[in-house]
Amino acid sequence: MADTWKEAEKAAQRGVAAAQDDAARVAANATKQLGDLSKRGQEFAREADQRIAEYTGRSSDAWIKEGSRFIKTRPWTAVAMVAVAAYLVGKLRG
């Protein structure tokens, strides 16, 4: 009976060790994938900023500052503009 108990205990320890190894592998893989995704997101943001600057002649930071100033000075107009834009997008989607 004691031998059976020891064997079961060793098997449980092996199972726990295997589960820990699997968890460590999954965590390492997730960390790598998140790092890759973060790099792609940063590249996308840089490219979008460059395209905005090419098309408009102003950086996205300049547009954000102007939008912020517009919202502070005319909040109800900004709300109305967003409502109209949402309505139009809804109509276009069908």
C-alpha atoms as a PDB file:
ATOM      1  CA  MET A   1       0.000   0.000   0.000  1.00  0.00           C
ATOM      2  CA  ALA A   2       2.846   2.362   0.861  1.00  0.00           C
ATOM      3  CA  ASP A   3       4.534   1.641  -2.479  1.00  0.00           C
ATOM      4  CA  THR A   4       1.333   2.375  -4.354  1.00  0.00           C
ATOM      5  CA  TRP A   5       0.973   5.668  -2.471  1.00  0.00           C
ATOM      6  CA  LYS A   6       4.567   6.671  -3.305  1.00  0.00           C
ATOM      7  CA  GLU A   7       4.070   5.799  -6.957  1.00  0.00           C
ATOM      8  CA  ALA A   8       0.890   7.846  -7.078  1.00  0.00           C
ATOM      9  CA  GLU A   9       2.663  10.752  -5.380  1.00  0.00           C
ATOM     10  CA  LYS A  10       5.531  10.585  -7.889  1.00  0.00           C
ATOM     11  CA  ALA A  11       3.076  10.429 -10.785  1.00  0.00           C
ATOM     12  CA  ALA A  12       1.261  13.477  -9.411  1.00  0.00           C
ATOM     13  CA  GLN A  13       4.561  15.331  -9.056  1.00  0.00           C
ATOM     14  CA  ARG A  14       5.443  14.472 -12.657  1.00  0.00           C
ATOM     15  CA  GLY A  15       2.029  15.688 -13.761  1.00  0.00           C
ATOM     16  CA  VAL A  16       2.442  18.960 -11.866  1.00  0.00           C
ATOM     17  CA  ALA A  17       5.929  19.459 -13.313  1.00  0.00           C
ATOM     18  CA  ALA A  18       4.631  18.783 -16.834  1.00  0.00           C
ATOM     19  CA  ALA A  19       1.764  21.238 -16.302  1.00  0.00           C
ATOM     20  CA  GLN A  20       4.206  23.876 -15.056  1.00  0.00           C
ATOM     21  CA  ASP A  21       6.426  23.321 -18.087  1.00  0.00           C
ATOM     22  CA  ASP A  22       3.430  23.644 -20.403  1.00  0.00           C
ATOM     23  CA  ALA A  23       2.294  26.812 -18.633  1.00  0.00           C
ATOM     24  CA  ALA A  24       5.774  28.318 -18.925  1.00  0.00           C
ATOM     25  CA  ARG A  25       5.874  27.479 -22.648  1.00  0.00           C
ATOM     26  CA  VAL A  26       2.445  29.008 -23.224  1.00  0.00           C
ATOM     27  CA  ALA A  27       3.422  32.155 -21.291  1.00  0.00           C
ATOM     28  CA  ALA A  28       6.652  32.521 -23.279  1.00  0.00           C
ATOM     29  CA  ASN A  29       4.787  32.076 -26.567  1.00  0.00           C
ATOM     30  CA  ALA A  30       2.095  34.591 -25.553  1.00  0.00           C
ATOM     31  CA  THR A  31       4.745  37.108 -24.521  1.00  0.00           C
ATOM     32  CA  LYS A  32       6.502  36.730 -27.867  1.00  0.00           C
ATOM     33  CA  GLN A  33       3.256  37.098 -29.808  1.00  0.00           C
ATOM     34  CA  LEU A  34       2.245  40.187 -27.826  1.00  0.00           C
ATOM     35  CA  GLY A  35       5.658  41.705 -28.473  1.00  0.00           C
ATOM     36  CA  ASP A  36       5.304  41.041 -32.205  1.00  0.00           C
ATOM     37  CA  LEU A  37       1.787  42.456 -32.191  1.00  0.00           C
ATOM     38  CA  SER A  38       2.993  45.557 -30.361  1.00  0.00           C
ATOM     39  CA  LYS A  39       5.747  46.105 -32.933  1.00  0.00           C
ATOM     40  CA  ARG A  40       3.263  45.751 -35.802  1.00  0.00           C
ATOM     41  CA  GLY A  41       0.889  48.178 -34.105  1.00  0.00           C
ATOM     42  CA  GLN A  42       3.649  50.745 -33.681  1.00  0.00           C
ATOM     43  CA  GLU A  43       4.664  50.352 -37.329  1.00  0.00           C
ATOM     44  CA  PHE A  44       1.039  50.788 -38.403  1.00  0.00           C
ATOM     45  CA  ALA A  45       0.712  53.949 -36.288  1.00  0.00           C
ATOM     46  CA  ARG A  46       3.907  55.408 -37.788  1.00  0.00           C
ATOM     47  CA  GLU A  47       2.737  54.646 -41.320  1.00  0.00           C
ATOM     48  CA  ALA A  48      -0.688  56.159 -40.621  1.00  0.00           C
ATOM     49  CA  ASP A  49       0.935  59.298 -39.203  1.00  0.00           C
ATOM     50  CA  GLN A  50       3.144  59.576 -42.294  1.00  0.00           C
ATOM     51  CA  ARG A  51       0.164  59.171 -44.626  1.00  0.00           C
ATOM     52  CA  ILE A  52      -1.839  61.790 -42.741  1.00  0.00           C
ATOM     53  CA  ALA A  53       1.092  64.192 -43.010  1.00  0.00           C
ATOM     54  CA  GLU A  54       1.491  63.441 -46.744  1.00  0.00           C
ATOM     55  CA  TYR A  55      -2.197  63.907 -47.551  1.00  0.00           C
ATOM     56  CA  THR A  56      -2.901  66.936 -45.370  1.00  0.00           C
ATOM     57  CA  GLY A  57       0.489  68.554 -44.838  1.00  0.00           C
ATOM     58  CA  ARG A  58      -0.017  68.356 -41.063  1.00  0.00           C
ATOM     59  CA  SER A  59       0.903  65.700 -38.529  1.00  0.00           C
ATOM     60  CA  SER A  60      -1.676  63.743 -36.598  1.00  0.00           C
ATOM     61  CA  ASP A  61      -0.597  65.589 -33.439  1.00  0.00           C
ATOM     62  CA  ALA A  62      -1.586  68.880 -35.061  1.00  0.00           C
ATOM     63  CA  TRP A  63      -4.983  67.444 -36.012  1.00  0.00           C
ATOM     64  CA  ILE A  64      -5.508  66.124 -32.496  1.00  0.00           C
ATOM     65  CA  LYS A  65      -4.665  69.501 -30.973  1.00  0.00           C
ATOM     66  CA  GLU A  66      -7.032  71.277 -33.342  1.00  0.00           C
ATOM     67  CA  GLY A  67      -9.805  68.769 -32.635  1.00  0.00           C
ATOM     68  CA  SER A  68      -9.297  69.147 -28.898  1.00  0.00           C
ATOM     69  CA  ARG A  69      -9.447  72.937 -29.191  1.00  0.00           C
ATOM     70  CA  PHE A  70     -12.621  72.688 -31.317  1.00  0.00           C
ATOM     71  CA  ILE A  71     -14.305  70.427 -28.747  1.00  0.00           C
ATOM     72  CA  LYS A  72     -13.370  72.786 -25.902  1.00  0.00           C
ATOM     73  CA  THR A  73     -14.655  75.886 -27.690  1.00  0.00           C
ATOM     74  CA  ARG A  74     -17.766  74.353 -29.352  1.00  0.00           C
ATOM     75  CA  PRO A  75     -18.789  71.196 -27.471  1.00  0.00           C
ATOM     76  CA  TRP A  76     -22.390  71.047 -28.751  1.00  0.00           C
ATOM     77  CA  THR A  77     -21.311  71.527 -32.334  1.00  0.00           C
ATOM     78  CA  ALA A  78     -18.821  68.689 -31.897  1.00  0.00           C
ATOM     79  CA  VAL A  79     -21.547  66.415 -30.483  1.00  0.00           C
ATOM     80  CA  ALA A  80     -23.825  67.285 -33.411  1.00  0.00           C
ATOM     81  CA  MET A  81     -21.048  66.544 -35.907  1.00  0.00           C
ATOM     82  CA  VAL A  82     -20.409  63.129 -34.334  1.00  0.00           C
ATOM     83  CA  ALA A  83     -24.146  62.357 -34.362  1.00  0.00           C
ATOM     84  CA  VAL A  84     -24.438  63.284 -38.048  1.00  0.00           C
ATOM     85  CA  ALA A  85     -21.330  61.257 -38.926  1.00  0.00           C
ATOM     86  CA  ALA A  86     -22.671  58.228 -37.034  1.00  0.00           C
ATOM     87  CA  TYR A  87     -26.028  58.573 -38.797  1.00  0.00           C
ATOM     88  CA  LEU A  88     -24.376  58.751 -42.221  1.00  0.00           C
ATOM     89  CA  VAL A  89     -22.123  55.771 -41.540  1.00  0.00           C
ATOM     90  CA  GLY A  90     -25.167  53.835 -40.360  1.00  0.00           C
ATOM     91  CA  LYS A  91     -27.037  54.704 -43.558  1.00  0.00           C
ATOM     92  CA  LEU A  92     -24.081  53.728 -45.730  1.00  0.00           C
ATOM     93  CA  ARG A  93     -23.754  50.347 -44.020  1.00  0.00           C
ATOM     94  CA  GLY A  94     -27.369  49.602 -44.814  1.00  0.00           C
END
